[in-house]
Amino acid sequence: MTATIEDIRAILKQLAQSQQELSQAQKETDKQINRVSQQIGELGNRLGEFVEWQVRPAVVRLFQERGIDVHEFHPGISVKRDNEGLEIDLLVVNDTDAILVEVKSKLTQRDVDEHLQRLAKFKRLMPRFRDVKALGAVAAMIVPNEVASYGCRQGLFVLVQSGENVIILNDAEFTPRVW
C-alpha cells in the first residue's frame, strides 16, 4: 500500500492537532499544579501560625522557670537597615535579656543554621538592644532528635509541643550561648 500526498497531509494534520491538544492539556495541568502548590504553601503558613500561637502564651513562663525574668514578648519583628533585613518570629525581653525565638511547624538543621545567622546580626541591625544579653531559641511542633541535639549544641533553647503544652527540651544544666 502506497501513501499518497493527501494521506501524508492528513496524517500530518492529525499529528499537529494532537500536539496542539497535548499542549493545551499540559497548560491546564500546569495551572492545576500551581494552584495546588499555592494551597500547600498557604496551609504551611497556617500551620506555622498555629504553632506560633501555641508557643506565644508559654514563652514568658518557660523562660521565667529557667531563671530568665523576661516579662514581655513581641511577635513578628521585621527590621530593614543598610540594605540588610532581619525577621524575628517572637522577641522575648526584659531590661537585660532578649531571646529571639524562631518558630517552625517542623524544625530542620537548616532552620537552626539560619537562626544562628539571625542572632549574629541582631545587635547590629537593632542597636537599641546592643547592651542586652541576646539568647536564641527554636520552637516547633515536630523536632527530630538529631535536630534538637544540634540546636542544643549550638547553644539554643529548643522548645517543642508536648501534648497540650510547650516545653523546653534542654536539661536544667544547659547553658545558653550569648550573643
Protein backbone atom coordinates (compact mmCIF):
# COMPACT_ATOMS: atom_id res chain seq x y z
CA MET A 1 0.00 0.00 0.00
CA THR A 2 1.42 3.31 -1.10
CA ALA A 3 0.60 6.51 0.77
CA THR A 4 -0.43 9.42 -1.32
CA ILE A 5 0.46 13.04 -0.68
CA GLU A 6 -3.10 13.54 0.54
CA ASP A 7 -2.69 10.66 3.04
CA ILE A 8 0.54 12.17 4.36
CA ARG A 9 -1.08 15.63 4.64
CA ALA A 10 -3.99 14.13 6.56
CA ILE A 11 -1.62 12.33 8.93
CA LEU A 12 0.44 15.50 9.46
CA LYS A 13 -2.75 17.50 10.13
CA GLN A 14 -3.87 14.93 12.72
CA LEU A 15 -0.41 14.98 14.29
CA ALA A 16 -0.42 18.80 14.50
CA GLN A 17 -3.92 18.74 16.04
CA SER A 18 -2.83 16.10 18.58
CA GLN A 19 0.21 18.16 19.52
CA GLN A 20 -1.96 21.24 19.99
CA GLU A 21 -4.39 19.29 22.20
CA LEU A 22 -1.47 17.89 24.20
CA SER A 23 -0.02 21.38 24.63
CA GLN A 24 -3.38 22.68 25.88
CA ALA A 25 -3.69 19.74 28.29
CA GLN A 26 -0.17 20.46 29.58
CA LYS A 27 -1.09 24.11 30.20
CA GLU A 28 -4.16 23.02 32.19
CA THR A 29 -2.06 20.57 34.18
CA ASP A 30 0.49 23.30 34.93
CA LYS A 31 -2.32 25.61 36.15
CA GLN A 32 -3.65 22.88 38.44
CA ILE A 33 -0.16 22.13 39.81
CA ASN A 34 0.38 25.85 40.52
CA ARG A 35 -2.99 26.06 42.26
CA VAL A 36 -2.23 23.03 44.44
CA SER A 37 1.27 24.34 45.21
CA GLN A 38 -0.20 27.66 46.30
CA GLN A 39 -2.74 25.91 48.53
CA ILE A 40 0.01 23.79 50.10
CA GLY A 41 2.06 26.93 50.74
CA GLU A 42 -0.92 28.62 52.38
CA LEU A 43 -1.51 25.54 54.52
CA GLY A 44 2.15 25.54 55.58
CA ASN A 45 1.86 29.19 56.56
CA ARG A 46 -1.30 28.47 58.55
CA LEU A 47 0.40 25.59 60.32
CA GLY A 48 3.33 27.87 61.19
CA GLU A 49 0.88 30.46 62.53
CA PHE A 50 -0.82 27.75 64.60
CA VAL A 51 2.49 26.68 66.13
CA GLU A 52 3.38 30.30 66.87
CA TRP A 53 0.05 30.82 68.65
CA GLN A 54 0.76 27.69 70.72
CA VAL A 55 4.23 28.97 71.68
CA ARG A 56 3.29 32.60 72.40
CA PRO A 57 1.47 32.12 75.71
CA ALA A 58 4.16 29.77 77.03
CA VAL A 59 7.42 31.58 76.25
CA VAL A 60 7.45 34.09 79.10
CA ARG A 61 6.53 31.43 81.68
CA LEU A 62 9.02 28.88 80.30
CA PHE A 63 11.96 31.27 80.41
CA GLN A 64 10.97 32.59 83.83
CA GLU A 65 11.00 28.99 85.07
CA ARG A 66 14.59 28.81 83.74
CA GLY A 67 15.56 31.86 85.79
CA ILE A 68 15.38 34.41 82.97
CA ASP A 69 12.98 37.06 84.24
CA VAL A 70 11.51 38.12 80.91
CA HIS A 71 8.16 39.85 81.11
CA GLU A 72 7.11 40.77 77.59
CA PHE A 73 7.13 39.38 74.10
CA HIS A 74 6.84 40.98 70.69
CA PRO A 75 5.64 38.89 67.73
CA GLY A 76 6.59 39.40 64.11
CA ILE A 77 9.55 41.77 64.32
CA SER A 78 10.84 42.97 60.96
CA VAL A 79 13.87 45.23 60.54
CA LYS A 80 15.45 46.77 57.44
CA ARG A 81 18.70 48.70 57.82
CA ASP A 82 21.62 49.35 55.47
CA ASN A 83 20.22 47.09 52.73
CA GLU A 84 20.00 44.20 55.17
CA GLY A 85 16.98 42.65 56.81
CA LEU A 86 16.04 40.66 59.86
CA GLU A 87 12.79 38.92 60.79
CA ILE A 88 12.11 37.53 64.24
CA ASP A 89 9.05 35.40 64.95
CA LEU A 90 8.99 36.16 68.69
CA LEU A 91 11.23 38.50 70.66
CA VAL A 92 11.01 37.88 74.41
CA VAL A 93 12.63 40.60 76.54
CA ASN A 94 13.33 42.30 79.84
CA ASP A 95 15.76 45.13 80.61
CA THR A 96 18.88 42.94 80.34
CA ASP A 97 17.92 39.94 78.20
CA ALA A 98 16.47 39.37 74.74
CA ILE A 99 15.53 35.93 73.48
CA LEU A 100 14.99 35.55 69.74
CA VAL A 101 12.59 32.66 69.08
CA GLU A 102 12.27 31.12 65.61
CA VAL A 103 9.03 29.15 65.21
CA LYS A 104 8.51 26.38 62.64
CA SER A 105 6.00 23.60 62.15
CA LYS A 106 8.88 21.13 61.58
CA LEU A 107 12.39 22.16 62.57
CA THR A 108 15.36 21.33 60.34
CA GLN A 109 19.11 21.80 60.76
CA ARG A 110 18.91 24.48 58.08
CA ASP A 111 16.36 26.37 60.21
CA VAL A 112 18.79 26.22 63.14
CA ASP A 113 21.66 27.49 60.97
CA GLU A 114 19.53 30.34 59.61
CA HIS A 115 18.54 31.33 63.14
CA LEU A 116 22.21 31.40 64.17
CA GLN A 117 22.82 33.85 61.30
CA ARG A 118 19.86 35.92 62.51
CA LEU A 119 21.32 36.03 66.02
CA ALA A 120 24.72 37.09 64.67
CA LYS A 121 23.28 40.25 63.11
CA PHE A 122 20.62 41.06 65.74
CA LYS A 123 22.51 43.71 67.73
CA ARG A 124 23.93 45.33 64.62
CA LEU A 125 20.50 45.70 63.00
CA MET A 126 18.68 46.50 66.24
CA PRO A 127 21.22 48.67 68.08
CA ARG A 128 18.81 49.59 70.89
CA PHE A 129 19.43 46.02 72.12
CA ARG A 130 23.26 46.26 71.92
CA ASP A 131 23.64 46.20 75.73
CA VAL A 132 21.39 43.22 76.42
CA LYS A 133 22.34 39.58 76.68
CA ALA A 134 20.91 38.06 73.49
CA LEU A 135 19.91 34.38 73.56
CA GLY A 136 18.37 32.14 70.93
CA ALA A 137 15.57 29.63 70.89
CA VAL A 138 13.87 27.49 68.27
CA ALA A 139 10.36 26.14 68.63
CA ALA A 140 8.41 23.63 66.58
CA MET A 141 5.65 21.10 66.69
CA ILE A 142 7.95 18.48 65.15
CA VAL A 143 11.61 18.37 66.10
CA PRO A 144 13.65 15.33 65.03
CA ASN A 145 16.04 14.16 67.78
CA GLU A 146 19.17 14.91 65.75
CA VAL A 147 17.95 18.47 65.06
CA ALA A 148 17.10 19.00 68.74
CA SER A 149 20.59 17.82 69.71
CA TYR A 150 22.15 20.06 67.08
CA GLY A 151 20.21 23.09 68.33
CA CYS A 152 21.29 22.40 71.92
CA ARG A 153 24.94 22.01 70.86
CA GLN A 154 24.70 25.38 69.11
CA GLY A 155 23.60 26.96 72.40
CA LEU A 156 19.92 27.40 71.56
CA PHE A 157 16.93 26.63 73.71
CA VAL A 158 14.75 24.05 71.96
CA LEU A 159 11.01 24.30 72.58
CA VAL A 160 8.62 21.57 71.47
CA GLN A 161 4.98 20.69 71.63
CA SER A 162 4.34 18.03 74.28
CA GLY A 163 0.71 17.05 74.46
CA GLU A 164 -1.22 20.24 75.09
CA ASN A 165 1.83 22.09 76.40
CA VAL A 166 5.04 23.57 75.10
CA ILE A 167 8.21 22.54 76.95
CA ILE A 168 11.92 23.31 76.83
CA LEU A 169 13.86 20.18 75.83
CA ASN A 170 17.22 21.39 77.18
CA ASP A 171 18.13 19.90 80.55
CA ALA A 172 18.40 22.03 83.70
CA GLU A 173 22.23 22.21 83.38
CA PHE A 174 22.05 23.72 79.90
CA THR A 175 23.99 26.96 79.48
CA PRO A 176 22.73 29.00 76.52
CA ARG A 177 25.11 30.74 74.14
CA VAL A 178 25.16 34.52 74.50
CA TRP A 179 25.36 36.87 71.53
